Amino acid sequence: MITIQIKEEYAEALEPLGQSVDEALRRLAVERANQHIAELQQKIKVWEERYKSSYDLFAYRTSTDEAFVAELNANPATQQWEADLLKWEFYATELNEWYKRLQNILTA
């Protein structure tokens, strides 16, 4: 456990409301995690719509299906698929990490 210092005024304001500082921080952490998850989902949604696929399926198909890759390369709208895949992977990984962080907060 980490010890942090907060202004006395904050603790005094929360105490009469029956809310501990720990609970207030927990609620804030959940709220912020949910906001960040929503932002990541919005970024990922762009690629899911463009390629009509989830990240996992798209990554699998681009690594195993030569005809699919040729089709992507032939279409001007999807010729940048390799750059998109790298960014998509980053955001998909980040999203999974935030899901884990949120789960840890909720089960703590």
C-alpha atoms as a PDB file:
ATOM      1  CA  MET A   1       0.000   0.000   0.000  1.00  0.00           C
ATOM      2  CA  ILE A   2       1.192   3.487  -0.836  1.00  0.00           C
ATOM      3  CA  THR A   3       0.718   6.358   1.559  1.00  0.00           C
ATOM      4  CA  ILE A   4      -0.237   9.700   0.075  1.00  0.00           C
ATOM      5  CA  GLN A   5      -0.786  13.100   1.567  1.00  0.00           C
ATOM      6  CA  ILE A   6      -3.979  14.997   0.898  1.00  0.00           C
ATOM      7  CA  LYS A   7      -5.227  18.342   2.012  1.00  0.00           C
ATOM      8  CA  GLU A   8      -7.008  18.173   5.320  1.00  0.00           C
ATOM      9  CA  GLU A   9      -9.917  20.102   3.820  1.00  0.00           C
ATOM     10  CA  TYR A  10     -10.654  17.233   1.427  1.00  0.00           C
ATOM     11  CA  ALA A  11     -10.737  14.623   4.164  1.00  0.00           C
ATOM     12  CA  GLU A  12     -12.873  16.886   6.354  1.00  0.00           C
ATOM     13  CA  ALA A  13     -15.340  17.448   3.511  1.00  0.00           C
ATOM     14  CA  LEU A  14     -15.715  13.753   2.787  1.00  0.00           C
ATOM     15  CA  GLU A  15     -16.009  12.542   6.368  1.00  0.00           C
ATOM     16  CA  PRO A  16     -19.461  14.067   7.144  1.00  0.00           C
ATOM     17  CA  LEU A  17     -20.762  12.582   3.900  1.00  0.00           C
ATOM     18  CA  GLY A  18     -19.891   9.115   5.154  1.00  0.00           C
ATOM     19  CA  GLN A  19     -17.305   8.644   2.448  1.00  0.00           C
ATOM     20  CA  SER A  20     -13.717   7.790   3.206  1.00  0.00           C
ATOM     21  CA  VAL A  21     -10.870   9.265   1.221  1.00  0.00           C
ATOM     22  CA  ASP A  22     -10.004   5.744   0.115  1.00  0.00           C
ATOM     23  CA  GLU A  23     -13.492   5.203  -1.289  1.00  0.00           C
ATOM     24  CA  ALA A  24     -13.455   8.598  -2.992  1.00  0.00           C
ATOM     25  CA  LEU A  25     -10.139   7.758  -4.664  1.00  0.00           C
ATOM     26  CA  ARG A  26     -11.482   4.359  -5.677  1.00  0.00           C
ATOM     27  CA  ARG A  27     -14.534   5.947  -7.308  1.00  0.00           C
ATOM     28  CA  LEU A  28     -12.350   8.482  -9.093  1.00  0.00           C
ATOM     29  CA  ALA A  29     -10.038   5.725 -10.332  1.00  0.00           C
ATOM     30  CA  VAL A  30     -13.009   3.717 -11.655  1.00  0.00           C
ATOM     31  CA  GLU A  31     -14.456   6.782 -13.362  1.00  0.00           C
ATOM     32  CA  ARG A  32     -11.159   7.727 -14.997  1.00  0.00           C
ATOM     33  CA  ALA A  33     -10.434   4.154 -16.056  1.00  0.00           C
ATOM     34  CA  ASN A  34     -13.869   3.915 -17.674  1.00  0.00           C
ATOM     35  CA  GLN A  35     -13.273   7.214 -19.495  1.00  0.00           C
ATOM     36  CA  HIS A  36      -9.923   6.024 -20.811  1.00  0.00           C
ATOM     37  CA  ILE A  37     -11.398   2.690 -21.881  1.00  0.00           C
ATOM     38  CA  ALA A  38     -14.135   4.520 -23.793  1.00  0.00           C
ATOM     39  CA  GLU A  39     -11.527   6.677 -25.559  1.00  0.00           C
ATOM     40  CA  LEU A  40      -9.510   3.609 -26.560  1.00  0.00           C
ATOM     41  CA  GLN A  41     -12.661   1.856 -27.793  1.00  0.00           C
ATOM     42  CA  GLN A  42     -13.477   4.860 -29.995  1.00  0.00           C
ATOM     43  CA  LYS A  43     -10.002   4.778 -31.555  1.00  0.00           C
ATOM     44  CA  ILE A  44     -10.242   1.042 -32.171  1.00  0.00           C
ATOM     45  CA  LYS A  45     -13.745   1.365 -33.633  1.00  0.00           C
ATOM     46  CA  VAL A  46     -12.327   3.328 -36.592  1.00  0.00           C
ATOM     47  CA  TRP A  47     -10.210   0.350 -37.694  1.00  0.00           C
ATOM     48  CA  GLU A  48     -12.935  -2.170 -36.934  1.00  0.00           C
ATOM     49  CA  GLU A  49     -15.269  -0.267 -39.243  1.00  0.00           C
ATOM     50  CA  ARG A  50     -12.653   0.303 -41.945  1.00  0.00           C
ATOM     51  CA  TYR A  51     -11.603  -3.355 -42.065  1.00  0.00           C
ATOM     52  CA  LYS A  52     -14.921  -4.856 -40.904  1.00  0.00           C
ATOM     53  CA  SER A  53     -13.069  -7.012 -38.427  1.00  0.00           C
ATOM     54  CA  SER A  54     -11.822  -7.298 -34.871  1.00  0.00           C
ATOM     55  CA  TYR A  55      -8.137  -6.744 -34.259  1.00  0.00           C
ATOM     56  CA  ASP A  56      -7.452 -10.416 -33.530  1.00  0.00           C
ATOM     57  CA  LEU A  57      -9.138 -11.628 -36.699  1.00  0.00           C
ATOM     58  CA  PHE A  58      -7.513  -8.936 -38.836  1.00  0.00           C
ATOM     59  CA  ALA A  59      -4.032  -9.699 -37.454  1.00  0.00           C
ATOM     60  CA  TYR A  60      -4.600 -13.406 -38.064  1.00  0.00           C
ATOM     61  CA  ARG A  61      -5.862 -12.924 -41.620  1.00  0.00           C
ATOM     62  CA  THR A  62      -3.030 -10.567 -42.611  1.00  0.00           C
ATOM     63  CA  SER A  63      -0.479 -13.071 -41.363  1.00  0.00           C
ATOM     64  CA  THR A  64      -2.053 -16.171 -42.925  1.00  0.00           C
ATOM     65  CA  ASP A  65      -4.148 -15.186 -45.946  1.00  0.00           C
ATOM     66  CA  GLU A  66      -2.155 -13.965 -48.950  1.00  0.00           C
ATOM     67  CA  ALA A  67      -5.297 -13.321 -51.003  1.00  0.00           C
ATOM     68  CA  PHE A  68      -6.676 -11.114 -48.248  1.00  0.00           C
ATOM     69  CA  VAL A  69      -3.426  -9.109 -48.122  1.00  0.00           C
ATOM     70  CA  ALA A  70      -3.454  -8.738 -51.915  1.00  0.00           C
ATOM     71  CA  GLU A  71      -7.022  -7.456 -51.722  1.00  0.00           C
ATOM     72  CA  LEU A  72      -6.025  -4.913 -49.049  1.00  0.00           C
ATOM     73  CA  ASN A  73      -3.041  -3.749 -51.121  1.00  0.00           C
ATOM     74  CA  ALA A  74      -5.195  -3.380 -54.252  1.00  0.00           C
ATOM     75  CA  ASN A  75      -7.739  -1.109 -52.554  1.00  0.00           C
ATOM     76  CA  PRO A  76      -6.556   2.531 -52.137  1.00  0.00           C
ATOM     77  CA  ALA A  77      -8.681   2.863 -48.974  1.00  0.00           C
ATOM     78  CA  THR A  78      -6.831  -0.003 -47.263  1.00  0.00           C
ATOM     79  CA  GLN A  79      -3.312   0.208 -48.686  1.00  0.00           C
ATOM     80  CA  GLN A  80      -2.068   1.617 -45.374  1.00  0.00           C
ATOM     81  CA  TRP A  81      -3.194  -1.536 -43.556  1.00  0.00           C
ATOM     82  CA  GLU A  82       0.294  -2.308 -42.188  1.00  0.00           C
ATOM     83  CA  ALA A  83       0.599   1.064 -40.447  1.00  0.00           C
ATOM     84  CA  ASP A  84      -2.980   0.718 -39.206  1.00  0.00           C
ATOM     85  CA  LEU A  85      -2.229  -2.750 -37.880  1.00  0.00           C
ATOM     86  CA  LEU A  86       0.695  -1.456 -35.798  1.00  0.00           C
ATOM     87  CA  LYS A  87      -1.381   1.341 -34.280  1.00  0.00           C
ATOM     88  CA  TRP A  88      -4.351  -0.967 -33.822  1.00  0.00           C
ATOM     89  CA  GLU A  89      -2.177  -3.480 -31.996  1.00  0.00           C
ATOM     90  CA  PHE A  90      -0.913  -0.763 -29.659  1.00  0.00           C
ATOM     91  CA  TYR A  91      -4.422   0.412 -28.793  1.00  0.00           C
ATOM     92  CA  ALA A  92      -5.803  -3.129 -28.476  1.00  0.00           C
ATOM     93  CA  THR A  93      -3.000  -4.016 -26.063  1.00  0.00           C
ATOM     94  CA  GLU A  94      -3.530  -0.792 -24.130  1.00  0.00           C
ATOM     95  CA  LEU A  95      -7.271  -1.487 -23.928  1.00  0.00           C
ATOM     96  CA  ASN A  96      -6.642  -4.948 -22.483  1.00  0.00           C
ATOM     97  CA  GLU A  97      -4.278  -3.455 -19.906  1.00  0.00           C
ATOM     98  CA  TRP A  98      -6.913  -0.921 -18.852  1.00  0.00           C
ATOM     99  CA  TYR A  99      -9.533  -3.648 -18.536  1.00  0.00           C
ATOM    100  CA  LYS A 100      -7.156  -5.454 -16.178  1.00  0.00           C
ATOM    101  CA  ARG A 101      -6.476  -2.292 -14.181  1.00  0.00           C
ATOM    102  CA  LEU A 102     -10.190  -1.619 -13.845  1.00  0.00           C
ATOM    103  CA  GLN A 103     -10.832  -5.206 -12.758  1.00  0.00           C
ATOM    104  CA  ASN A 104      -8.098  -4.899 -10.138  1.00  0.00           C
ATOM    105  CA  ILE A 105      -9.663  -1.721  -8.783  1.00  0.00           C
ATOM    106  CA  LEU A 106     -13.130  -3.262  -8.692  1.00  0.00           C
ATOM    107  CA  THR A 107     -11.981  -6.409  -6.903  1.00  0.00           C
ATOM    108  CA  ALA A 108      -9.653  -4.697  -4.432  1.00  0.00           C
END
